[in-house]
């Protein structure tokens, strides 16, 4: 599971972009993470965010959390993956 300290870091860093949704899914959400696991974060916005900002956000999260972060926007989700991700999702904001 993702601990409260990591959740707080994610909340603080993503707040700069005023997201409508931030959540963790995948191995960290299921409590099955290993030493090589990345942290999968789903994020959504009610406004446009450019690609460079998303890359910067992903890099900042990785640096502050000390683990590789895979940032996924809700709009980029394939319809077949959506129910799987939503089943595991731990909503942070």
PDB file of N, CA and C in Angstrom:
ATOM      1  N   UNK A   1       0.832  -1.196   0.000  1.00  0.00           N
ATOM      2  CA  UNK A   1       0.000   0.000   0.000  1.00  0.00           C
ATOM      3  C   UNK A   1       0.871   1.252   0.000  1.00  0.00           C
ATOM      4  N   UNK A   2       0.317   2.295  -0.485  1.00  0.00           N
ATOM      5  CA  UNK A   2       1.038   3.567  -0.488  1.00  0.00           C
ATOM      6  C   UNK A   2       0.836   4.242   0.870  1.00  0.00           C
ATOM      7  N   UNK A   3       1.929   4.643   1.476  1.00  0.00           N
ATOM      8  CA  UNK A   3       1.837   5.218   2.820  1.00  0.00           C
ATOM      9  C   UNK A   3       1.389   6.680   2.771  1.00  0.00           C
ATOM     10  N   UNK A   4       0.985   7.179   3.929  1.00  0.00           N
ATOM     11  CA  UNK A   4       0.429   8.533   4.014  1.00  0.00           C
ATOM     12  C   UNK A   4       1.460   9.612   3.672  1.00  0.00           C
ATOM     13  N   UNK A   5       2.730   9.360   3.955  1.00  0.00           N
ATOM     14  CA  UNK A   5       3.775  10.331   3.614  1.00  0.00           C
ATOM     15  C   UNK A   5       3.870  10.504   2.101  1.00  0.00           C
ATOM     16  N   UNK A   6       3.885   9.396   1.377  1.00  0.00           N
ATOM     17  CA  UNK A   6       3.930   9.460  -0.091  1.00  0.00           C
ATOM     18  C   UNK A   6       2.669  10.129  -0.640  1.00  0.00           C
ATOM     19  N   UNK A   7       1.528   9.799  -0.060  1.00  0.00           N
ATOM     20  CA  UNK A   7       0.284  10.432  -0.504  1.00  0.00           C
ATOM     21  C   UNK A   7       0.349  11.945  -0.328  1.00  0.00           C
ATOM     22  N   UNK A   8       0.894  12.394   0.785  1.00  0.00           N
ATOM     23  CA  UNK A   8       1.003  13.830   1.048  1.00  0.00           C
ATOM     24  C   UNK A   8       1.945  14.503   0.048  1.00  0.00           C
ATOM     25  N   UNK A   9       3.062  13.864  -0.258  1.00  0.00           N
ATOM     26  CA  UNK A   9       4.003  14.406  -1.243  1.00  0.00           C
ATOM     27  C   UNK A   9       3.323  14.527  -2.607  1.00  0.00           C
ATOM     28  N   UNK A  10       2.611  13.491  -3.005  1.00  0.00           N
ATOM     29  CA  UNK A  10       1.897  13.509  -4.290  1.00  0.00           C
ATOM     30  C   UNK A  10       0.881  14.646  -4.308  1.00  0.00           C
ATOM     31  N   UNK A  11       0.130  14.782  -3.232  1.00  0.00           N
ATOM     32  CA  UNK A  11      -0.893  15.830  -3.143  1.00  0.00           C
ATOM     33  C   UNK A  11      -0.270  17.220  -3.260  1.00  0.00           C
ATOM     34  N   UNK A  12       0.825  17.447  -2.545  1.00  0.00           N
ATOM     35  CA  UNK A  12       1.476  18.762  -2.557  1.00  0.00           C
ATOM     36  C   UNK A  12       2.056  19.109  -3.930  1.00  0.00           C
ATOM     37  N   UNK A  13       2.713  18.148  -4.560  1.00  0.00           N
ATOM     38  CA  UNK A  13       3.351  18.417  -5.849  1.00  0.00           C
ATOM     39  C   UNK A  13       2.317  18.603  -6.959  1.00  0.00           C
ATOM     40  N   UNK A  14       1.299  17.756  -6.991  1.00  0.00           N
ATOM     41  CA  UNK A  14       0.298  17.848  -8.062  1.00  0.00           C
ATOM     42  C   UNK A  14      -0.622  19.050  -7.895  1.00  0.00           C
ATOM     43  N   UNK A  15      -0.739  19.584  -6.680  1.00  0.00           N
ATOM     44  CA  UNK A  15      -1.637  20.722  -6.429  1.00  0.00           C
ATOM     45  C   UNK A  15      -1.296  21.932  -7.295  1.00  0.00           C
ATOM     46  N   UNK A  16      -0.033  22.065  -7.682  1.00  0.00           N
ATOM     47  CA  UNK A  16       0.398  23.193  -8.522  1.00  0.00           C
ATOM     48  C   UNK A  16      -0.356  23.244  -9.852  1.00  0.00           C
ATOM     49  N   UNK A  17      -0.845  22.078 -10.284  1.00  0.00           N
ATOM     50  CA  UNK A  17      -1.504  21.977 -11.584  1.00  0.00           C
ATOM     51  C   UNK A  17      -3.026  21.922 -11.468  1.00  0.00           C
ATOM     52  N   UNK A  18      -3.541  22.039 -10.247  1.00  0.00           N
ATOM     53  CA  UNK A  18      -4.979  22.044  -9.996  1.00  0.00           C
ATOM     54  C   UNK A  18      -5.697  20.875 -10.688  1.00  0.00           C
ATOM     55  N   UNK A  19      -5.298  19.638 -10.388  1.00  0.00           N
ATOM     56  CA  UNK A  19      -5.934  18.492 -11.034  1.00  0.00           C
ATOM     57  C   UNK A  19      -7.338  18.248 -10.489  1.00  0.00           C
ATOM     58  N   UNK A  20      -8.184  17.653 -11.301  1.00  0.00           N
ATOM     59  CA  UNK A  20      -9.524  17.275 -10.848  1.00  0.00           C
ATOM     60  C   UNK A  20      -9.509  15.879 -10.223  1.00  0.00           C
ATOM     61  N   UNK A  21      -8.464  15.114 -10.508  1.00  0.00           N
ATOM     62  CA  UNK A  21      -8.335  13.757  -9.966  1.00  0.00           C
ATOM     63  C   UNK A  21      -6.865  13.385  -9.891  1.00  0.00           C
ATOM     64  N   UNK A  22      -6.477  12.795  -8.776  1.00  0.00           N
ATOM     65  CA  UNK A  22      -5.160  12.181  -8.634  1.00  0.00           C
ATOM     66  C   UNK A  22      -5.381  10.892  -7.863  1.00  0.00           C
ATOM     67  N   UNK A  23      -4.860   9.804  -8.383  1.00  0.00           N
ATOM     68  CA  UNK A  23      -4.994   8.528  -7.701  1.00  0.00           C
ATOM     69  C   UNK A  23      -3.853   7.595  -8.049  1.00  0.00           C
ATOM     70  N   UNK A  24      -3.650   6.622  -7.186  1.00  0.00           N
ATOM     71  CA  UNK A  24      -2.607   5.617  -7.374  1.00  0.00           C
ATOM     72  C   UNK A  24      -3.281   4.309  -7.768  1.00  0.00           C
ATOM     73  N   UNK A  25      -2.697   3.616  -8.735  1.00  0.00           N
ATOM     74  CA  UNK A  25      -3.212   2.314  -9.141  1.00  0.00           C
ATOM     75  C   UNK A  25      -2.041   1.371  -9.343  1.00  0.00           C
ATOM     76  N   UNK A  26      -2.319   0.134  -9.655  1.00  0.00           N
ATOM     77  CA  UNK A  26      -1.252  -0.837  -9.896  1.00  0.00           C
ATOM     78  C   UNK A  26      -0.754  -1.467  -8.615  1.00  0.00           C
ATOM     79  N   UNK A  27       0.497  -1.897  -8.634  1.00  0.00           N
ATOM     80  CA  UNK A  27       1.046  -2.686  -7.528  1.00  0.00           C
ATOM     81  C   UNK A  27       1.031  -1.941  -6.197  1.00  0.00           C
ATOM     82  N   UNK A  28       1.282  -0.638  -6.197  1.00  0.00           N
ATOM     83  CA  UNK A  28       1.254   0.123  -4.936  1.00  0.00           C
ATOM     84  C   UNK A  28      -0.160   0.200  -4.371  1.00  0.00           C
ATOM     85  N   UNK A  29      -1.151   0.301  -5.222  1.00  0.00           N
ATOM     86  CA  UNK A  29      -2.540   0.355  -4.757  1.00  0.00           C
ATOM     87  C   UNK A  29      -2.976  -0.992  -4.190  1.00  0.00           C
ATOM     88  N   UNK A  30      -2.451  -2.068  -4.751  1.00  0.00           N
ATOM     89  CA  UNK A  30      -2.818  -3.408  -4.298  1.00  0.00           C
ATOM     90  C   UNK A  30      -1.943  -3.911  -3.154  1.00  0.00           C
ATOM     91  N   UNK A  31      -0.912  -3.156  -2.803  1.00  0.00           N
ATOM     92  CA  UNK A  31       0.008  -3.596  -1.754  1.00  0.00           C
ATOM     93  C   UNK A  31       0.924  -4.712  -2.214  1.00  0.00           C
ATOM     94  N   UNK A  32       1.196  -4.775  -3.515  1.00  0.00           N
ATOM     95  CA  UNK A  32       2.024  -5.838  -4.086  1.00  0.00           C
ATOM     96  C   UNK A  32       3.324  -5.304  -4.677  1.00  0.00           C
ATOM     97  N   UNK A  33       3.702  -4.090  -4.314  1.00  0.00           N
ATOM     98  CA  UNK A  33       4.906  -3.492  -4.878  1.00  0.00           C
ATOM     99  C   UNK A  33       6.152  -4.229  -4.412  1.00  0.00           C
ATOM    100  N   UNK A  34       7.125  -4.252  -5.301  1.00  0.00           N
ATOM    101  CA  UNK A  34       8.424  -4.837  -5.004  1.00  0.00           C
ATOM    102  C   UNK A  34       9.500  -3.777  -5.122  1.00  0.00           C
ATOM    103  N   UNK A  35      10.725  -4.197  -4.953  1.00  0.00           N
ATOM    104  CA  UNK A  35      11.848  -3.260  -4.982  1.00  0.00           C
ATOM    105  C   UNK A  35      11.985  -2.562  -6.337  1.00  0.00           C
ATOM    106  N   UNK A  36      11.553  -3.202  -7.400  1.00  0.00           N
ATOM    107  CA  UNK A  36      11.675  -2.623  -8.749  1.00  0.00           C
ATOM    108  C   UNK A  36      10.372  -2.018  -9.271  1.00  0.00           C
ATOM    109  N   UNK A  37       9.360  -1.985  -8.441  1.00  0.00           N
ATOM    110  CA  UNK A  37       8.061  -1.469  -8.885  1.00  0.00           C
ATOM    111  C   UNK A  37       8.103   0.033  -9.102  1.00  0.00           C
ATOM    112  N   UNK A  38       7.401   0.468 -10.137  1.00  0.00           N
ATOM    113  CA  UNK A  38       7.204   1.899 -10.305  1.00  0.00           C
ATOM    114  C   UNK A  38       5.873   2.262  -9.655  1.00  0.00           C
ATOM    115  N   UNK A  39       5.653   3.542  -9.482  1.00  0.00           N
ATOM    116  CA  UNK A  39       4.421   4.029  -8.871  1.00  0.00           C
ATOM    117  C   UNK A  39       3.541   4.584  -9.982  1.00  0.00           C
ATOM    118  N   UNK A  40       2.402   3.943 -10.197  1.00  0.00           N
ATOM    119  CA  UNK A  40       1.468   4.349 -11.246  1.00  0.00           C
ATOM    120  C   UNK A  40       0.491   5.371 -10.680  1.00  0.00           C
ATOM    121  N   UNK A  41       0.466   6.548 -11.293  1.00  0.00           N
ATOM    122  CA  UNK A  41      -0.415   7.626 -10.841  1.00  0.00           C
ATOM    123  C   UNK A  41      -1.319   8.045 -11.990  1.00  0.00           C
ATOM    124  N   UNK A  42      -2.621   8.041 -11.719  1.00  0.00           N
ATOM    125  CA  UNK A  42      -3.613   8.526 -12.674  1.00  0.00           C
ATOM    126  C   UNK A  42      -3.930   9.973 -12.316  1.00  0.00           C
ATOM    127  N   UNK A  43      -3.945  10.834 -13.313  1.00  0.00           N
ATOM    128  CA  UNK A  43      -4.223  12.252 -13.081  1.00  0.00           C
ATOM    129  C   UNK A  43      -5.161  12.757 -14.168  1.00  0.00           C
ATOM    130  N   UNK A  44      -6.038  13.685 -13.787  1.00  0.00           N
ATOM    131  CA  UNK A  44      -6.962  14.271 -14.754  1.00  0.00           C
ATOM    132  C   UNK A  44      -7.105  15.760 -14.448  1.00  0.00           C
ATOM    133  N   UNK A  45      -7.448  16.501 -15.467  1.00  0.00           N
ATOM    134  CA  UNK A  45      -7.557  17.955 -15.364  1.00  0.00           C
ATOM    135  C   UNK A  45      -8.831  18.422 -16.051  1.00  0.00           C
ATOM    136  N   UNK A  46      -9.354  19.544 -15.593  1.00  0.00           N
ATOM    137  CA  UNK A  46     -10.483  20.188 -16.265  1.00  0.00           C
ATOM    138  C   UNK A  46     -10.001  21.268 -17.227  1.00  0.00           C
ATOM    139  N   UNK A  47      -8.693  21.338 -17.395  1.00  0.00           N
ATOM    140  CA  UNK A  47      -8.078  22.330 -18.279  1.00  0.00           C
ATOM    141  C   UNK A  47      -6.909  21.658 -19.008  1.00  0.00           C
ATOM    142  N   UNK A  48      -6.398  22.348 -20.008  1.00  0.00           N
ATOM    143  CA  UNK A  48      -5.284  21.790 -20.789  1.00  0.00           C
ATOM    144  C   UNK A  48      -3.976  21.913 -20.019  1.00  0.00           C
ATOM    145  N   UNK A  49      -3.200  20.850 -20.070  1.00  0.00           N
ATOM    146  CA  UNK A  49      -1.851  20.839 -19.498  1.00  0.00           C
ATOM    147  C   UNK A  49      -0.933  20.333 -20.598  1.00  0.00           C
ATOM    148  N   UNK A  50       0.155  21.057 -20.864  1.00  0.00           N
ATOM    149  CA  UNK A  50       1.005  20.653 -21.980  1.00  0.00           C
ATOM    150  C   UNK A  50       1.930  19.495 -21.596  1.00  0.00           C
ATOM    151  N   UNK A  51       2.438  18.841 -22.604  1.00  0.00           N
ATOM    152  CA  UNK A  51       3.263  17.649 -22.426  1.00  0.00           C
ATOM    153  C   UNK A  51       4.516  17.925 -21.608  1.00  0.00           C
ATOM    154  N   UNK A  52       5.153  19.049 -21.832  1.00  0.00           N
ATOM    155  CA  UNK A  52       6.368  19.372 -21.069  1.00  0.00           C
ATOM    156  C   UNK A  52       6.072  19.518 -19.583  1.00  0.00           C
ATOM    157  N   UNK A  53       4.929  20.095 -19.245  1.00  0.00           N
ATOM    158  CA  UNK A  53       4.539  20.201 -17.838  1.00  0.00           C
ATOM    159  C   UNK A  53       4.304  18.819 -17.230  1.00  0.00           C
ATOM    160  N   UNK A  54       3.675  17.927 -17.990  1.00  0.00           N
ATOM    161  CA  UNK A  54       3.436  16.565 -17.496  1.00  0.00           C
ATOM    162  C   UNK A  54       4.748  15.818 -17.272  1.00  0.00           C
ATOM    163  N   UNK A  55       5.679  15.972 -18.193  1.00  0.00           N
ATOM    164  CA  UNK A  55       6.988  15.326 -18.044  1.00  0.00           C
ATOM    165  C   UNK A  55       7.712  15.891 -16.828  1.00  0.00           C
ATOM    166  N   UNK A  56       7.661  17.195 -16.656  1.00  0.00           N
ATOM    167  CA  UNK A  56       8.277  17.821 -15.490  1.00  0.00           C
ATOM    168  C   UNK A  56       7.642  17.348 -14.197  1.00  0.00           C
ATOM    169  N   UNK A  57       6.326  17.220 -14.193  1.00  0.00           N
ATOM    170  CA  UNK A  57       5.603  16.738 -13.017  1.00  0.00           C
ATOM    171  C   UNK A  57       6.009  15.307 -12.688  1.00  0.00           C
ATOM    172  N   UNK A  58       6.063  14.461 -13.697  1.00  0.00           N
ATOM    173  CA  UNK A  58       6.473  13.069 -13.497  1.00  0.00           C
ATOM    174  C   UNK A  58       7.893  12.997 -12.929  1.00  0.00           C
ATOM    175  N   UNK A  59       8.797  13.802 -13.470  1.00  0.00           N
ATOM    176  CA  UNK A  59      10.184  13.816 -12.984  1.00  0.00           C
ATOM    177  C   UNK A  59      10.278  14.323 -11.551  1.00  0.00           C
ATOM    178  N   UNK A  60       9.536  15.376 -11.230  1.00  0.00           N
ATOM    179  CA  UNK A  60       9.561  15.914  -9.865  1.00  0.00           C
ATOM    180  C   UNK A  60       9.014  14.899  -8.865  1.00  0.00           C
ATOM    181  N   UNK A  61       7.926  14.234  -9.228  1.00  0.00           N
ATOM    182  CA  UNK A  61       7.363  13.205  -8.348  1.00  0.00           C
ATOM    183  C   UNK A  61       8.369  12.084  -8.116  1.00  0.00           C
ATOM    184  N   UNK A  62       9.014  11.627  -9.183  1.00  0.00           N
ATOM    185  CA  UNK A  62      10.011  10.554  -9.065  1.00  0.00           C
ATOM    186  C   UNK A  62      11.144  10.964  -8.129  1.00  0.00           C
ATOM    187  N   UNK A  63      11.615  12.182  -8.294  1.00  0.00           N
ATOM    188  CA  UNK A  63      12.734  12.671  -7.481  1.00  0.00           C
ATOM    189  C   UNK A  63      12.345  12.781  -6.006  1.00  0.00           C
ATOM    190  N   UNK A  64      11.212  13.402  -5.722  1.00  0.00           N
ATOM    191  CA  UNK A  64      10.789  13.623  -4.332  1.00  0.00           C
ATOM    192  C   UNK A  64      10.389  12.327  -3.633  1.00  0.00           C
ATOM    193  N   UNK A  65       9.823  11.381  -4.382  1.00  0.00           N
ATOM    194  CA  UNK A  65       9.380  10.118  -3.788  1.00  0.00           C
ATOM    195  C   UNK A  65      10.493   9.078  -3.724  1.00  0.00           C
ATOM    196  N   UNK A  66      11.519   9.262  -4.546  1.00  0.00           N
ATOM    197  CA  UNK A  66      12.627   8.316  -4.565  1.00  0.00           C
ATOM    198  C   UNK A  66      12.312   7.012  -5.274  1.00  0.00           C
ATOM    199  N   UNK A  67      11.271   7.020  -6.096  1.00  0.00           N
ATOM    200  CA  UNK A  67      10.900   5.851  -6.904  1.00  0.00           C
ATOM    201  C   UNK A  67      10.446   6.344  -8.275  1.00  0.00           C
ATOM    202  N   UNK A  68      10.560   5.462  -9.257  1.00  0.00           N
ATOM    203  CA  UNK A  68      10.132   5.831 -10.608  1.00  0.00           C
ATOM    204  C   UNK A  68       8.613   5.955 -10.645  1.00  0.00           C
ATOM    205  N   UNK A  69       8.143   7.057 -11.200  1.00  0.00           N
ATOM    206  CA  UNK A  69       6.710   7.321 -11.307  1.00  0.00           C
ATOM    207  C   UNK A  69       6.294   7.214 -12.766  1.00  0.00           C
ATOM    208  N   UNK A  70       5.168   6.545 -12.991  1.00  0.00           N
ATOM    209  CA  UNK A  70       4.555   6.483 -14.314  1.00  0.00           C
ATOM    210  C   UNK A  70       3.256   7.277 -14.217  1.00  0.00           C
ATOM    211  N   UNK A  71       3.248   8.464 -14.789  1.00  0.00           N
ATOM    212  CA  UNK A  71       2.099   9.362 -14.730  1.00  0.00           C
ATOM    213  C   UNK A  71       1.223   9.118 -15.955  1.00  0.00           C
ATOM    214  N   UNK A  72      -0.046   8.827 -15.712  1.00  0.00           N
ATOM    215  CA  UNK A  72      -0.987   8.523 -16.787  1.00  0.00           C
ATOM    216  C   UNK A  72      -2.155   9.499 -16.693  1.00  0.00           C
ATOM    217  N   UNK A  73      -2.479  10.144 -17.801  1.00  0.00           N
ATOM    218  CA  UNK A  73      -3.641  11.032 -17.801  1.00  0.00           C
ATOM    219  C   UNK A  73      -4.897  10.219 -18.092  1.00  0.00           C
ATOM    220  N   UNK A  74      -5.987  10.598 -17.454  1.00  0.00           N
ATOM    221  CA  UNK A  74      -7.253   9.886 -17.647  1.00  0.00           C
ATOM    222  C   UNK A  74      -7.682   9.918 -19.110  1.00  0.00           C
ATOM    223  N   UNK A  75      -7.404  11.014 -19.791  1.00  0.00           N
ATOM    224  CA  UNK A  75      -7.807  11.137 -21.196  1.00  0.00           C
ATOM    225  C   UNK A  75      -7.019  10.213 -22.121  1.00  0.00           C
ATOM    226  N   UNK A  76      -5.860   9.732 -21.665  1.00  0.00           N
ATOM    227  CA  UNK A  76      -5.046   8.854 -22.513  1.00  0.00           C
ATOM    228  C   UNK A  76      -5.325   7.370 -22.272  1.00  0.00           C
ATOM    229  N   UNK A  77      -6.201   7.057 -21.323  1.00  0.00           N
ATOM    230  CA  UNK A  77      -6.475   5.654 -21.000  1.00  0.00           C
ATOM    231  C   UNK A  77      -7.225   4.953 -22.123  1.00  0.00           C
ATOM    232  N   UNK A  78      -6.792   3.760 -22.427  1.00  0.00           N
ATOM    233  CA  UNK A  78      -7.526   2.918 -23.364  1.00  0.00           C
ATOM    234  C   UNK A  78      -8.775   2.407 -22.647  1.00  0.00           C
ATOM    235  N   UNK A  79      -9.891   2.362 -23.334  1.00  0.00           N
ATOM    236  CA  UNK A  79     -11.159   1.958 -22.725  1.00  0.00           C
ATOM    237  C   UNK A  79     -11.090   0.583 -22.057  1.00  0.00           C
ATOM    238  N   UNK A  80     -10.298  -0.317 -22.591  1.00  0.00           N
ATOM    239  CA  UNK A  80     -10.192  -1.657 -21.999  1.00  0.00           C
ATOM    240  C   UNK A  80      -9.440  -1.638 -20.673  1.00  0.00           C
ATOM    241  N   UNK A  81      -8.551  -0.663 -20.502  1.00  0.00           N
ATOM    242  CA  UNK A  81      -7.783  -0.568 -19.258  1.00  0.00           C
ATOM    243  C   UNK A  81      -8.522   0.188 -18.166  1.00  0.00           C
ATOM    244  N   UNK A  82      -9.439   1.044 -18.540  1.00  0.00           N
ATOM    245  CA  UNK A  82     -10.129   1.899 -17.571  1.00  0.00           C
ATOM    246  C   UNK A  82     -10.749   1.114 -16.409  1.00  0.00           C
ATOM    247  N   UNK A  83     -11.531   0.045 -16.650  1.00  0.00           N
ATOM    248  CA  UNK A  83     -12.136  -0.666 -15.513  1.00  0.00           C
ATOM    249  C   UNK A  83     -11.104  -1.328 -14.594  1.00  0.00           C
ATOM    250  N   UNK A  84     -10.006  -1.780 -15.158  1.00  0.00           N
ATOM    251  CA  UNK A  84      -8.953  -2.413 -14.357  1.00  0.00           C
ATOM    252  C   UNK A  84      -8.299  -1.374 -13.454  1.00  0.00           C
ATOM    253  N   UNK A  85      -7.995  -0.222 -14.016  1.00  0.00           N
ATOM    254  CA  UNK A  85      -7.366   0.853 -13.246  1.00  0.00           C
ATOM    255  C   UNK A  85      -8.325   1.374 -12.182  1.00  0.00           C
ATOM    256  N   UNK A  86      -9.574   1.578 -12.534  1.00  0.00           N
ATOM    257  CA  UNK A  86     -10.551   2.094 -11.574  1.00  0.00           C
ATOM    258  C   UNK A  86     -10.792   1.126 -10.424  1.00  0.00           C
ATOM    259  N   UNK A  87     -10.667  -0.159 -10.674  1.00  0.00           N
ATOM    260  CA  UNK A  87     -10.858  -1.166  -9.619  1.00  0.00           C
ATOM    261  C   UNK A  87      -9.789  -1.032  -8.536  1.00  0.00           C
ATOM    262  N   UNK A  88      -8.553  -0.740  -8.930  1.00  0.00           N
ATOM    263  CA  UNK A  88      -7.430  -0.631  -7.988  1.00  0.00           C
ATOM    264  C   UNK A  88      -7.246   0.770  -7.413  1.00  0.00           C
ATOM    265  N   UNK A  89      -7.839   1.760  -8.021  1.00  0.00           N
ATOM    266  CA  UNK A  89      -7.508   3.159  -7.754  1.00  0.00           C
ATOM    267  C   UNK A  89      -7.698   3.566  -6.290  1.00  0.00           C
ATOM    268  N   UNK A  90      -6.643   4.147  -5.734  1.00  0.00           N
ATOM    269  CA  UNK A  90      -6.720   4.803  -4.428  1.00  0.00           C
ATOM    270  C   UNK A  90      -6.689   6.294  -4.726  1.00  0.00           C
ATOM    271  N   UNK A  91      -7.807   6.921  -4.531  1.00  0.00           N
ATOM    272  CA  UNK A  91      -7.924   8.346  -4.861  1.00  0.00           C
ATOM    273  C   UNK A  91      -7.220   9.187  -3.801  1.00  0.00           C
ATOM    274  N   UNK A  92      -6.403  10.118  -4.255  1.00  0.00           N
ATOM    275  CA  UNK A  92      -5.669  11.009  -3.354  1.00  0.00           C
ATOM    276  C   UNK A  92      -6.334  12.382  -3.320  1.00  0.00           C
ATOM    277  N   UNK A  93      -6.799  12.857  -4.466  1.00  0.00           N
ATOM    278  CA  UNK A  93      -7.564  14.115  -4.509  1.00  0.00           C
ATOM    279  C   UNK A  93      -8.789  13.920  -5.370  1.00  0.00           C
TER     280      UNK A  93
END
